[in-house]
Amino acid sequence: MIEVIGGGLVLIGIAYAENKGWVDKESVSFVLNVGMQAGICASMFYFLHKLSILFL
């Protein structure tokens, strides 16, 4: 629950900073893409780890 709230606050903060002109769209796009890829990789690693424990 805390992770979902924290992730939402980060996304709202990035959108607010982009609207205020503090950051440019290219850097925001890069940060969001890297963050999504890292989250997908971490969840896949966790899934494969749990799957290997289940069958070994």
PDB file of N, CA and C in Angstrom:
ATOM      1  N   MET A   1       0.824  -1.194   0.000  1.00  0.00           N
ATOM      2  CA  MET A   1       0.000   0.000   0.000  1.00  0.00           C
ATOM      3  C   MET A   1       0.870   1.261   0.000  1.00  0.00           C
ATOM      4  N   ILE A   2       1.900   1.234   0.810  1.00  0.00           N
ATOM      5  CA  ILE A   2       2.797   2.395   0.892  1.00  0.00           C
ATOM      6  C   ILE A   2       3.532   2.590  -0.436  1.00  0.00           C
ATOM      7  N   GLU A   3       3.891   1.465  -1.079  1.00  0.00           N
ATOM      8  CA  GLU A   3       4.603   1.574  -2.360  1.00  0.00           C
ATOM      9  C   GLU A   3       3.721   2.188  -3.439  1.00  0.00           C
ATOM     10  N   VAL A   4       2.442   1.839  -3.437  1.00  0.00           N
ATOM     11  CA  VAL A   4       1.522   2.393  -4.435  1.00  0.00           C
ATOM     12  C   VAL A   4       1.342   3.892  -4.207  1.00  0.00           C
ATOM     13  N   ILE A   5       1.181   4.283  -2.953  1.00  0.00           N
ATOM     14  CA  ILE A   5       1.026   5.710  -2.637  1.00  0.00           C
ATOM     15  C   ILE A   5       2.308   6.468  -2.986  1.00  0.00           C
ATOM     16  N   GLY A   6       3.462   5.889  -2.647  1.00  0.00           N
ATOM     17  CA  GLY A   6       4.737   6.538  -2.964  1.00  0.00           C
ATOM     18  C   GLY A   6       4.957   6.675  -4.454  1.00  0.00           C
ATOM     19  N   GLY A   7       4.623   5.623  -5.215  1.00  0.00           N
ATOM     20  CA  GLY A   7       4.762   5.693  -6.667  1.00  0.00           C
ATOM     21  C   GLY A   7       3.844   6.728  -7.274  1.00  0.00           C
ATOM     22  N   GLY A   8       2.624   6.812  -6.762  1.00  0.00           N
ATOM     23  CA  GLY A   8       1.689   7.835  -7.242  1.00  0.00           C
ATOM     24  C   GLY A   8       2.178   9.235  -6.946  1.00  0.00           C
ATOM     25  N   LEU A   9       2.732   9.434  -5.749  1.00  0.00           N
ATOM     26  CA  LEU A   9       3.260  10.757  -5.405  1.00  0.00           C
ATOM     27  C   LEU A   9       4.450  11.140  -6.276  1.00  0.00           C
ATOM     28  N   VAL A  10       5.273  10.168  -6.616  1.00  0.00           N
ATOM     29  CA  VAL A  10       6.410  10.452  -7.500  1.00  0.00           C
ATOM     30  C   VAL A  10       5.911  10.867  -8.883  1.00  0.00           C
ATOM     31  N   LEU A  11       4.928  10.136  -9.411  1.00  0.00           N
ATOM     32  CA  LEU A  11       4.400  10.489 -10.734  1.00  0.00           C
ATOM     33  C   LEU A  11       3.712  11.851 -10.724  1.00  0.00           C
ATOM     34  N   ILE A  12       2.976  12.158  -9.664  1.00  0.00           N
ATOM     35  CA  ILE A  12       2.337  13.473  -9.549  1.00  0.00           C
ATOM     36  C   ILE A  12       3.400  14.562  -9.438  1.00  0.00           C
ATOM     37  N   GLY A  13       4.460  14.277  -8.684  1.00  0.00           N
ATOM     38  CA  GLY A  13       5.550  15.250  -8.554  1.00  0.00           C
ATOM     39  C   GLY A  13       6.255  15.510  -9.870  1.00  0.00           C
ATOM     40  N   ILE A  14       6.471  14.459 -10.652  1.00  0.00           N
ATOM     41  CA  ILE A  14       7.116  14.628 -11.960  1.00  0.00           C
ATOM     42  C   ILE A  14       6.218  15.435 -12.894  1.00  0.00           C
ATOM     43  N   ALA A  15       4.920  15.130 -12.878  1.00  0.00           N
ATOM     44  CA  ALA A  15       3.996  15.884 -13.738  1.00  0.00           C
ATOM     45  C   ALA A  15       3.936  17.354 -13.317  1.00  0.00           C
ATOM     46  N   TYR A  16       3.940  17.622 -12.018  1.00  0.00           N
ATOM     47  CA  TYR A  16       3.917  19.006 -11.517  1.00  0.00           C
ATOM     48  C   TYR A  16       5.195  19.749 -11.922  1.00  0.00           C
ATOM     49  N   ALA A  17       6.338  19.088 -11.773  1.00  0.00           N
ATOM     50  CA  ALA A  17       7.609  19.723 -12.143  1.00  0.00           C
ATOM     51  C   ALA A  17       7.683  19.980 -13.645  1.00  0.00           C
ATOM     52  N   GLU A  18       7.114  19.079 -14.422  1.00  0.00           N
ATOM     53  CA  GLU A  18       7.112  19.278 -15.879  1.00  0.00           C
ATOM     54  C   GLU A  18       6.224  20.455 -16.260  1.00  0.00           C
ATOM     55  N   ASN A  19       5.059  20.578 -15.615  1.00  0.00           N
ATOM     56  CA  ASN A  19       4.158  21.699 -15.918  1.00  0.00           C
ATOM     57  C   ASN A  19       4.737  23.035 -15.487  1.00  0.00           C
ATOM     58  N   LYS A  20       5.507  23.048 -14.402  1.00  0.00           N
ATOM     59  CA  LYS A  20       6.128  24.292 -13.939  1.00  0.00           C
ATOM     60  C   LYS A  20       7.348  24.676 -14.764  1.00  0.00           C
ATOM     61  N   GLY A  21       7.843  23.738 -15.587  1.00  0.00           N
ATOM     62  CA  GLY A  21       9.007  24.031 -16.415  1.00  0.00           C
ATOM     63  C   GLY A  21      10.322  23.768 -15.730  1.00  0.00           C
ATOM     64  N   TRP A  22      10.319  23.044 -14.620  1.00  0.00           N
ATOM     65  CA  TRP A  22      11.552  22.754 -13.894  1.00  0.00           C
ATOM     66  C   TRP A  22      12.381  21.690 -14.592  1.00  0.00           C
ATOM     67  N   VAL A  23      11.718  20.792 -15.316  1.00  0.00           N
ATOM     68  CA  VAL A  23      12.411  19.732 -16.050  1.00  0.00           C
ATOM     69  C   VAL A  23      11.861  19.700 -17.475  1.00  0.00           C
ATOM     70  N   ASP A  24      12.654  19.158 -18.388  1.00  0.00           N
ATOM     71  CA  ASP A  24      12.177  19.072 -19.769  1.00  0.00           C
ATOM     72  C   ASP A  24      11.560  17.693 -20.027  1.00  0.00           C
ATOM     73  N   LYS A  25      10.835  17.604 -21.122  1.00  0.00           N
ATOM     74  CA  LYS A  25      10.081  16.381 -21.422  1.00  0.00           C
ATOM     75  C   LYS A  25      10.995  15.198 -21.721  1.00  0.00           C
ATOM     76  N   GLU A  26      12.156  15.439 -22.301  1.00  0.00           N
ATOM     77  CA  GLU A  26      13.050  14.336 -22.627  1.00  0.00           C
ATOM     78  C   GLU A  26      13.575  13.663 -21.366  1.00  0.00           C
ATOM     79  N   SER A  27      13.956  14.436 -20.368  1.00  0.00           N
ATOM     80  CA  SER A  27      14.468  13.832 -19.140  1.00  0.00           C
ATOM     81  C   SER A  27      13.362  13.103 -18.383  1.00  0.00           C
ATOM     82  N   VAL A  28      12.145  13.664 -18.384  1.00  0.00           N
ATOM     83  CA  VAL A  28      11.023  12.996 -17.736  1.00  0.00           C
ATOM     84  C   VAL A  28      10.719  11.680 -18.436  1.00  0.00           C
ATOM     85  N   SER A  29      10.720  11.686 -19.748  1.00  0.00           N
ATOM     86  CA  SER A  29      10.461  10.470 -20.505  1.00  0.00           C
ATOM     87  C   SER A  29      11.532   9.422 -20.225  1.00  0.00           C
ATOM     88  N   PHE A  30      12.779   9.834 -20.162  1.00  0.00           N
ATOM     89  CA  PHE A  30      13.878   8.903 -19.876  1.00  0.00           C
ATOM     90  C   PHE A  30      13.733   8.297 -18.487  1.00  0.00           C
ATOM     91  N   VAL A  31      13.445   9.123 -17.492  1.00  0.00           N
ATOM     92  CA  VAL A  31      13.303   8.629 -16.117  1.00  0.00           C
ATOM     93  C   VAL A  31      12.136   7.666 -16.010  1.00  0.00           C
ATOM     94  N   LEU A  32      11.016   7.995 -16.625  1.00  0.00           N
ATOM     95  CA  LEU A  32       9.857   7.109 -16.567  1.00  0.00           C
ATOM     96  C   LEU A  32      10.118   5.787 -17.282  1.00  0.00           C
ATOM     97  N   ASN A  33      10.778   5.817 -18.436  1.00  0.00           N
ATOM     98  CA  ASN A  33      11.085   4.579 -19.152  1.00  0.00           C
ATOM     99  C   ASN A  33      12.038   3.695 -18.367  1.00  0.00           C
ATOM    100  N   VAL A  34      13.079   4.285 -17.796  1.00  0.00           N
ATOM    101  CA  VAL A  34      14.026   3.496 -17.003  1.00  0.00           C
ATOM    102  C   VAL A  34      13.339   2.929 -15.766  1.00  0.00           C
ATOM    103  N   GLY A  35      12.493   3.724 -15.131  1.00  0.00           N
ATOM    104  CA  GLY A  35      11.778   3.252 -13.947  1.00  0.00           C
ATOM    105  C   GLY A  35      10.827   2.110 -14.256  1.00  0.00           C
ATOM    106  N   MET A  36      10.111   2.214 -15.363  1.00  0.00           N
ATOM    107  CA  MET A  36       9.196   1.135 -15.737  1.00  0.00           C
ATOM    108  C   MET A  36       9.964  -0.134 -16.086  1.00  0.00           C
ATOM    109  N   GLN A  37      11.072  -0.005 -16.809  1.00  0.00           N
ATOM    110  CA  GLN A  37      11.860  -1.177 -17.161  1.00  0.00           C
ATOM    111  C   GLN A  37      12.464  -1.826 -15.925  1.00  0.00           C
ATOM    112  N   ALA A  38      12.921  -1.028 -14.985  1.00  0.00           N
ATOM    113  CA  ALA A  38      13.482  -1.585 -13.755  1.00  0.00           C
ATOM    114  C   ALA A  38      12.403  -2.306 -12.948  1.00  0.00           C
ATOM    115  N   GLY A  39      11.210  -1.740 -12.895  1.00  0.00           N
ATOM    116  CA  GLY A  39      10.119  -2.387 -12.180  1.00  0.00           C
ATOM    117  C   GLY A  39       9.715  -3.696 -12.819  1.00  0.00           C
ATOM    118  N   ILE A  40       9.663  -3.734 -14.136  1.00  0.00           N
ATOM    119  CA  ILE A  40       9.324  -4.968 -14.838  1.00  0.00           C
ATOM    120  C   ILE A  40      10.404  -6.022 -14.612  1.00  0.00           C
ATOM    121  N   CYS A  41      11.658  -5.625 -14.696  1.00  0.00           N
ATOM    122  CA  CYS A  41      12.750  -6.582 -14.474  1.00  0.00           C
ATOM    123  C   CYS A  41      12.740  -7.109 -13.043  1.00  0.00           C
ATOM    124  N   ALA A  42      12.507  -6.249 -12.082  1.00  0.00           N
ATOM    125  CA  ALA A  42      12.473  -6.685 -10.685  1.00  0.00           C
ATOM    126  C   ALA A  42      11.309  -7.630 -10.430  1.00  0.00           C
ATOM    127  N   SER A  43      10.150  -7.341 -10.993  1.00  0.00           N
ATOM    128  CA  SER A  43       9.005  -8.226 -10.784  1.00  0.00           C
ATOM    129  C   SER A  43       9.206  -9.564 -11.478  1.00  0.00           C
ATOM    130  N   MET A  44       9.818  -9.574 -12.659  1.00  0.00           N
ATOM    131  CA  MET A  44      10.102 -10.834 -13.338  1.00  0.00           C
ATOM    132  C   MET A  44      11.137 -11.661 -12.569  1.00  0.00           C
ATOM    133  N   PHE A  45      12.162 -10.994 -12.037  1.00  0.00           N
ATOM    134  CA  PHE A  45      13.157 -11.692 -11.225  1.00  0.00           C
ATOM    135  C   PHE A  45      12.507 -12.294  -9.992  1.00  0.00           C
ATOM    136  N   TYR A  46      11.639 -11.550  -9.328  1.00  0.00           N
ATOM    137  CA  TYR A  46      10.943 -12.051  -8.142  1.00  0.00           C
ATOM    138  C   TYR A  46      10.059 -13.239  -8.504  1.00  0.00           C
ATOM    139  N   PHE A  47       9.332 -13.147  -9.625  1.00  0.00           N
ATOM    140  CA  PHE A  47       8.458 -14.233 -10.065  1.00  0.00           C
ATOM    141  C   PHE A  47       9.262 -15.494 -10.361  1.00  0.00           C
ATOM    142  N   LEU A  48      10.369 -15.353 -11.101  1.00  0.00           N
ATOM    143  CA  LEU A  48      11.189 -16.519 -11.426  1.00  0.00           C
ATOM    144  C   LEU A  48      11.832 -17.110 -10.173  1.00  0.00           C
ATOM    145  N   HIS A  49      12.207 -16.276  -9.239  1.00  0.00           N
ATOM    146  CA  HIS A  49      12.784 -16.753  -7.985  1.00  0.00           C
ATOM    147  C   HIS A  49      11.760 -17.572  -7.206  1.00  0.00           C
ATOM    148  N   LYS A  50      10.545 -17.060  -7.079  1.00  0.00           N
ATOM    149  CA  LYS A  50       9.486 -17.785  -6.377  1.00  0.00           C
ATOM    150  C   LYS A  50       9.095 -19.055  -7.127  1.00  0.00           C
ATOM    151  N   LEU A  51       9.122 -19.003  -8.446  1.00  0.00           N
ATOM    152  CA  LEU A  51       8.790 -20.176  -9.245  1.00  0.00           C
ATOM    153  C   LEU A  51       9.832 -21.280  -9.068  1.00  0.00           C
ATOM    154  N   SER A  52      11.098 -20.887  -9.014  1.00  0.00           N
ATOM    155  CA  SER A  52      12.152 -21.883  -8.829  1.00  0.00           C
ATOM    156  C   SER A  52      12.074 -22.503  -7.432  1.00  0.00           C
ATOM    157  N   ILE A  53      11.717 -21.719  -6.425  1.00  0.00           N
ATOM    158  CA  ILE A  53      11.564 -22.264  -5.074  1.00  0.00           C
ATOM    159  C   ILE A  53      10.400 -23.250  -5.036  1.00  0.00           C
ATOM    160  N   LEU A  54       9.340 -22.948  -5.761  1.00  0.00           N
ATOM    161  CA  LEU A  54       8.164 -23.798  -5.765  1.00  0.00           C
ATOM    162  C   LEU A  54       8.445 -25.170  -6.370  1.00  0.00           C
ATOM    163  N   PHE A  55       9.263 -25.205  -7.432  1.00  0.00           N
ATOM    164  CA  PHE A  55       9.493 -26.463  -8.129  1.00  0.00           C
ATOM    165  C   PHE A  55      10.789 -27.178  -7.739  1.00  0.00           C
ATOM    166  N   LEU A  56      11.614 -26.571  -6.923  1.00  0.00           N
ATOM    167  CA  LEU A  56      12.860 -27.238  -6.516  1.00  0.00           C
ATOM    168  C   LEU A  56      12.795 -27.766  -5.113  1.00  0.00           C
TER     169      LEU A  56
END
